[in-house]
Structures are given as C-alpha cells and as structure tokens.
Amino acid sequence: MSLADKRIEWKARFDAWKSSGLSVAEWCREQGIKDHQMYYWIRIFEDDVAPKQESNTQWLTVNVNDESSHHIEEPVFIHFGSISVEVRPGTNMELLSNVVRVLQSQ
C-alpha cells in the first residue's frame, strides 16, 4: 500500500472518529485499531488544518540622550522568541537589518 493510499485510509478513519463523538481509546477499541497509530495520524491531520500563526512584529521607538550615549558603550540585546542577538556599538546596520529580516521570516 502506497503512502497516498495509507493517507486516504487514515483520513477516512480520522473523519469517522471525529464525527463519532467518542474518545480516541473508545473509538479505537471498537474499530480494532491501535490507539498509538490513531494518535500519530491525528497529529498529522490536525497539523494539516491548523492555521499557521503569524507573529506580529511590534517595534519600539527608543530615544537616546546624546549626553549618556558618549559614556556608555554596552551592547544592546534584541530578542526574537528563543533567539537573542547582541548588537555592539559600531555594528554594521545593513548586516543587522538582514539578520532581522531572516529572523522575521522564521
């Protein structure tokens, strides 16, 4: 049986389970199907229909006082989810812009 055939067969099972109102365990017992297989296909089909969440980037305007900026030369950290980017004084802003664009597309 090809993968496409398996997908069709399991999609029919998935739809039947969804419309049954039964728990996965109950439905699988009645159908003679191993519940771990059903859970695998449930994850596949729910991932197919789940809308992809778009992250809305929010920018914050920062006003820097010229007097204090001459004395402090510490890096700034930009956080994108679990990724942090350290931006040091003198950073190539074009490179930083490209890095931000790549992170936004992830």
N, C-alpha and C. Protein backbone atom coordinates (compact mmCIF):
# COMPACT_ATOMS: atom_id res chain seq x y z
N MET A 1 0.84 -1.18 0.00
CA MET A 1 0.00 0.00 0.00
C MET A 1 0.89 1.24 0.00
N SER A 2 0.62 2.15 -0.91
CA SER A 2 1.44 3.36 -1.01
C SER A 2 1.10 4.33 0.12
N LEU A 3 1.98 5.29 0.33
CA LEU A 3 1.75 6.30 1.36
C LEU A 3 0.47 7.09 1.08
N ALA A 4 0.22 7.37 -0.19
CA ALA A 4 -1.00 8.09 -0.56
C ALA A 4 -2.23 7.28 -0.20
N ASP A 5 -2.19 5.97 -0.44
CA ASP A 5 -3.31 5.10 -0.08
C ASP A 5 -3.51 5.05 1.43
N LYS A 6 -2.39 4.96 2.17
CA LYS A 6 -2.48 4.95 3.63
C LYS A 6 -3.09 6.25 4.14
N ARG A 7 -2.66 7.35 3.54
CA ARG A 7 -3.18 8.66 3.96
C ARG A 7 -4.68 8.75 3.72
N ILE A 8 -5.15 8.25 2.60
CA ILE A 8 -6.59 8.25 2.29
C ILE A 8 -7.34 7.39 3.31
N GLU A 9 -6.80 6.20 3.58
CA GLU A 9 -7.44 5.28 4.53
C GLU A 9 -7.51 5.89 5.93
N TRP A 10 -6.39 6.47 6.38
CA TRP A 10 -6.36 7.05 7.72
C TRP A 10 -7.16 8.34 7.81
N LYS A 11 -7.26 9.08 6.72
CA LYS A 11 -8.10 10.28 6.72
C LYS A 11 -9.56 9.88 6.91
N ALA A 12 -9.99 8.80 6.26
CA ALA A 12 -11.36 8.31 6.44
C ALA A 12 -11.58 7.88 7.89
N ARG A 13 -10.59 7.22 8.48
CA ARG A 13 -10.70 6.82 9.89
C ARG A 13 -10.74 8.05 10.80
N PHE A 14 -9.89 9.01 10.50
CA PHE A 14 -9.84 10.25 11.28
C PHE A 14 -11.21 10.94 11.25
N ASP A 15 -11.78 11.08 10.05
CA ASP A 15 -13.08 11.72 9.92
C ASP A 15 -14.17 10.95 10.66
N ALA A 16 -14.12 9.62 10.58
CA ALA A 16 -15.10 8.78 11.27
C ALA A 16 -14.98 8.95 12.78
N TRP A 17 -13.76 8.98 13.28
CA TRP A 17 -13.55 9.19 14.72
C TRP A 17 -14.08 10.55 15.15
N LYS A 18 -13.73 11.62 14.37
CA LYS A 18 -14.16 12.98 14.72
C LYS A 18 -15.67 13.07 14.82
N SER A 19 -16.36 12.43 13.89
CA SER A 19 -17.82 12.54 13.87
C SER A 19 -18.50 11.59 14.87
N SER A 20 -17.72 10.65 15.44
CA SER A 20 -18.31 9.67 16.35
C SER A 20 -18.63 10.26 17.73
N GLY A 21 -17.88 11.25 18.14
CA GLY A 21 -18.06 11.80 19.49
C GLY A 21 -17.42 10.96 20.57
N LEU A 22 -16.75 9.90 20.18
CA LEU A 22 -16.08 9.02 21.15
C LEU A 22 -14.66 9.50 21.42
N SER A 23 -14.11 9.04 22.54
CA SER A 23 -12.69 9.30 22.79
C SER A 23 -11.88 8.45 21.81
N VAL A 24 -10.62 8.79 21.65
CA VAL A 24 -9.76 8.01 20.76
C VAL A 24 -9.69 6.56 21.23
N ALA A 25 -9.51 6.37 22.52
CA ALA A 25 -9.40 5.00 23.06
C ALA A 25 -10.66 4.19 22.78
N GLU A 26 -11.83 4.79 23.04
CA GLU A 26 -13.09 4.07 22.81
C GLU A 26 -13.27 3.74 21.33
N TRP A 27 -13.04 4.72 20.48
CA TRP A 27 -13.23 4.50 19.04
C TRP A 27 -12.28 3.43 18.53
N CYS A 28 -11.02 3.50 18.96
CA CYS A 28 -10.02 2.52 18.51
C CYS A 28 -10.37 1.11 18.98
N ARG A 29 -10.85 1.00 20.21
CA ARG A 29 -11.27 -0.32 20.72
C ARG A 29 -12.38 -0.90 19.85
N GLU A 30 -13.36 -0.06 19.54
CA GLU A 30 -14.49 -0.52 18.71
C GLU A 30 -14.05 -0.92 17.30
N GLN A 31 -13.04 -0.22 16.77
CA GLN A 31 -12.59 -0.46 15.40
C GLN A 31 -11.47 -1.49 15.31
N GLY A 32 -10.90 -1.89 16.45
CA GLY A 32 -9.78 -2.83 16.44
C GLY A 32 -8.50 -2.19 15.92
N ILE A 33 -8.33 -0.92 16.22
CA ILE A 33 -7.14 -0.17 15.77
C ILE A 33 -6.30 0.18 17.00
N LYS A 34 -4.98 0.13 16.85
CA LYS A 34 -4.09 0.51 17.95
C LYS A 34 -4.16 2.03 18.12
N ASP A 35 -4.40 2.45 19.37
CA ASP A 35 -4.60 3.88 19.59
C ASP A 35 -3.35 4.72 19.31
N HIS A 36 -2.15 4.14 19.48
CA HIS A 36 -0.94 4.93 19.19
C HIS A 36 -0.85 5.25 17.70
N GLN A 37 -1.35 4.36 16.84
CA GLN A 37 -1.37 4.65 15.40
C GLN A 37 -2.34 5.80 15.13
N MET A 38 -3.49 5.74 15.79
CA MET A 38 -4.50 6.78 15.59
C MET A 38 -3.98 8.13 16.04
N TYR A 39 -3.31 8.15 17.19
CA TYR A 39 -2.75 9.42 17.68
C TYR A 39 -1.73 9.98 16.69
N TYR A 40 -0.95 9.14 16.07
CA TYR A 40 0.02 9.59 15.06
C TYR A 40 -0.71 10.31 13.92
N TRP A 41 -1.76 9.67 13.40
CA TRP A 41 -2.47 10.25 12.27
C TRP A 41 -3.30 11.47 12.68
N ILE A 42 -3.79 11.50 13.89
CA ILE A 42 -4.50 12.69 14.38
C ILE A 42 -3.55 13.88 14.34
N ARG A 43 -2.34 13.67 14.81
CA ARG A 43 -1.35 14.76 14.80
C ARG A 43 -1.06 15.22 13.37
N ILE A 44 -0.95 14.27 12.46
CA ILE A 44 -0.68 14.61 11.05
C ILE A 44 -1.82 15.46 10.49
N PHE A 45 -3.06 15.00 10.67
CA PHE A 45 -4.20 15.70 10.06
C PHE A 45 -4.51 17.01 10.77
N GLU A 46 -4.31 17.10 12.06
CA GLU A 46 -4.57 18.35 12.75
C GLU A 46 -3.50 19.38 12.42
N ASP A 47 -2.26 18.94 12.18
CA ASP A 47 -1.21 19.86 11.73
C ASP A 47 -1.52 20.40 10.34
N ASP A 48 -2.16 19.57 9.50
CA ASP A 48 -2.53 20.00 8.14
C ASP A 48 -3.57 21.11 8.16
N VAL A 49 -4.51 21.05 9.09
CA VAL A 49 -5.61 22.01 9.11
C VAL A 49 -5.38 23.17 10.06
N ALA A 50 -4.40 23.05 10.94
CA ALA A 50 -4.15 24.13 11.91
C ALA A 50 -3.60 25.34 11.18
N PRO A 51 -4.21 26.51 11.40
CA PRO A 51 -3.70 27.71 10.74
C PRO A 51 -2.33 28.07 11.29
N LYS A 52 -1.47 28.46 10.41
CA LYS A 52 -0.14 28.87 10.82
C LYS A 52 -0.25 30.25 11.48
N GLN A 53 0.30 30.36 12.66
CA GLN A 53 0.22 31.63 13.37
C GLN A 53 1.30 32.55 12.86
N GLU A 54 0.86 33.74 12.50
CA GLU A 54 1.83 34.74 12.08
C GLU A 54 2.16 35.59 13.29
N SER A 55 3.43 35.85 13.44
CA SER A 55 3.80 36.71 14.56
C SER A 55 3.75 38.15 14.07
N ASN A 56 3.15 38.97 14.87
CA ASN A 56 3.08 40.39 14.55
C ASN A 56 4.24 41.08 15.23
N THR A 57 5.15 41.60 14.43
CA THR A 57 6.31 42.28 14.98
C THR A 57 5.88 43.64 15.49
N GLN A 58 6.29 43.94 16.69
CA GLN A 58 6.00 45.24 17.26
C GLN A 58 7.32 45.95 17.49
N TRP A 59 7.42 47.15 16.96
CA TRP A 59 8.65 47.92 17.09
C TRP A 59 8.47 48.96 18.17
N LEU A 60 9.51 49.20 18.90
CA LEU A 60 9.51 50.18 19.97
C LEU A 60 10.49 51.28 19.61
N THR A 61 10.03 52.52 19.68
CA THR A 61 10.91 53.65 19.41
C THR A 61 11.70 53.95 20.66
N VAL A 62 13.00 54.10 20.50
CA VAL A 62 13.88 54.40 21.63
C VAL A 62 14.57 55.72 21.35
N ASN A 63 14.38 56.66 22.24
CA ASN A 63 15.08 57.94 22.13
C ASN A 63 16.32 57.88 23.00
N VAL A 64 17.46 58.19 22.41
CA VAL A 64 18.73 58.12 23.13
C VAL A 64 19.21 59.53 23.41
N ASN A 65 19.51 59.78 24.65
CA ASN A 65 20.04 61.07 25.06
C ASN A 65 21.51 61.12 24.65
N ASP A 66 21.90 62.10 23.86
CA ASP A 66 23.28 62.18 23.36
C ASP A 66 24.31 62.23 24.47
N GLU A 67 23.99 62.89 25.58
CA GLU A 67 24.97 63.01 26.67
C GLU A 67 25.35 61.65 27.24
N SER A 68 24.37 60.79 27.44
CA SER A 68 24.68 59.50 28.05
C SER A 68 25.27 58.51 27.05
N SER A 69 24.98 58.69 25.76
CA SER A 69 25.47 57.72 24.78
C SER A 69 26.97 57.80 24.58
N HIS A 70 27.59 58.90 24.93
CA HIS A 70 29.04 59.03 24.76
C HIS A 70 29.80 58.25 25.83
N HIS A 71 29.18 58.04 26.97
CA HIS A 71 29.88 57.41 28.08
C HIS A 71 29.64 55.90 28.15
N ILE A 72 28.54 55.45 27.61
CA ILE A 72 28.19 54.03 27.71
C ILE A 72 28.33 53.38 26.35
N GLU A 73 29.16 52.36 26.29
CA GLU A 73 29.33 51.62 25.05
C GLU A 73 29.08 50.14 25.33
N GLU A 74 27.87 49.86 25.80
CA GLU A 74 27.48 48.49 26.08
C GLU A 74 26.60 47.98 24.95
N PRO A 75 26.60 46.67 24.77
CA PRO A 75 25.76 46.11 23.70
C PRO A 75 24.27 46.19 24.04
N VAL A 76 23.48 46.12 22.99
CA VAL A 76 22.02 46.04 23.11
C VAL A 76 21.65 44.62 22.69
N PHE A 77 20.69 44.01 23.39
CA PHE A 77 20.25 42.66 23.04
C PHE A 77 18.86 42.74 22.43
N ILE A 78 18.70 42.10 21.28
CA ILE A 78 17.41 42.01 20.62
C ILE A 78 16.95 40.56 20.73
N HIS A 79 15.73 40.36 21.22
CA HIS A 79 15.21 39.02 21.44
C HIS A 79 14.11 38.69 20.43
N PHE A 80 14.26 37.56 19.75
CA PHE A 80 13.26 37.02 18.82
C PHE A 80 12.88 35.64 19.34
N GLY A 81 11.85 35.56 20.15
CA GLY A 81 11.47 34.26 20.72
C GLY A 81 12.62 33.73 21.57
N SER A 82 13.15 32.59 21.19
CA SER A 82 14.24 31.98 21.96
C SER A 82 15.62 32.42 21.45
N ILE A 83 15.65 33.29 20.46
CA ILE A 83 16.92 33.73 19.87
C ILE A 83 17.23 35.14 20.37
N SER A 84 18.47 35.36 20.78
CA SER A 84 18.92 36.69 21.19
C SER A 84 20.07 37.12 20.30
N VAL A 85 20.04 38.38 19.89
CA VAL A 85 21.10 38.93 19.05
C VAL A 85 21.76 40.07 19.83
N GLU A 86 23.06 39.99 19.97
CA GLU A 86 23.80 41.04 20.66
C GLU A 86 24.28 42.05 19.62
N VAL A 87 23.92 43.31 19.83
CA VAL A 87 24.31 44.38 18.90
C VAL A 87 25.28 45.30 19.64
N ARG A 88 26.50 45.31 19.16
CA ARG A 88 27.54 46.12 19.81
C ARG A 88 27.70 47.45 19.09
N PRO A 89 28.23 48.45 19.80
CA PRO A 89 28.48 49.75 19.15
C PRO A 89 29.36 49.56 17.92
N GLY A 90 29.01 50.25 16.84
CA GLY A 90 29.76 50.14 15.60
C GLY A 90 29.29 49.01 14.70
N THR A 91 28.19 48.37 15.06
CA THR A 91 27.66 47.26 14.26
C THR A 91 27.28 47.73 12.86
N ASN A 92 27.53 46.90 11.88
CA ASN A 92 27.13 47.18 10.51
C ASN A 92 25.60 47.10 10.46
N MET A 93 24.93 48.25 10.27
CA MET A 93 23.47 48.30 10.33
C MET A 93 22.82 47.56 9.16
N GLU A 94 23.48 47.51 8.02
CA GLU A 94 22.93 46.76 6.89
C GLU A 94 22.92 45.27 7.21
N LEU A 95 23.99 44.77 7.81
CA LEU A 95 24.06 43.38 8.23
C LEU A 95 23.00 43.09 9.29
N LEU A 96 22.86 43.98 10.27
CA LEU A 96 21.85 43.80 11.31
C LEU A 96 20.45 43.76 10.69
N SER A 97 20.20 44.62 9.74
CA SER A 97 18.90 44.65 9.06
C SER A 97 18.64 43.32 8.36
N ASN A 98 19.64 42.76 7.70
CA ASN A 98 19.50 41.46 7.03
C ASN A 98 19.23 40.34 8.04
N VAL A 99 19.91 40.37 9.18
CA VAL A 99 19.70 39.37 10.21
C VAL A 99 18.27 39.44 10.74
N VAL A 100 17.78 40.66 10.99
CA VAL A 100 16.42 40.85 11.49
C VAL A 100 15.41 40.32 10.45
N ARG A 101 15.63 40.59 9.18
CA ARG A 101 14.74 40.11 8.13
C ARG A 101 14.68 38.57 8.10
N VAL A 102 15.83 37.94 8.25
CA VAL A 102 15.88 36.47 8.26
C VAL A 102 15.14 35.93 9.48
N LEU A 103 15.36 36.53 10.64
CA LEU A 103 14.68 36.06 11.85
C LEU A 103 13.18 36.25 11.76
N GLN A 104 12.73 37.32 11.13
CA GLN A 104 11.29 37.55 10.99
C GLN A 104 10.65 36.51 10.08
N SER A 105 11.40 36.00 9.13
CA SER A 105 10.83 35.03 8.19
C SER A 105 10.80 33.61 8.76
N GLN A 106 11.40 33.40 9.91
CA GLN A 106 11.44 32.06 10.53
C GLN A 106 10.12 31.72 11.15
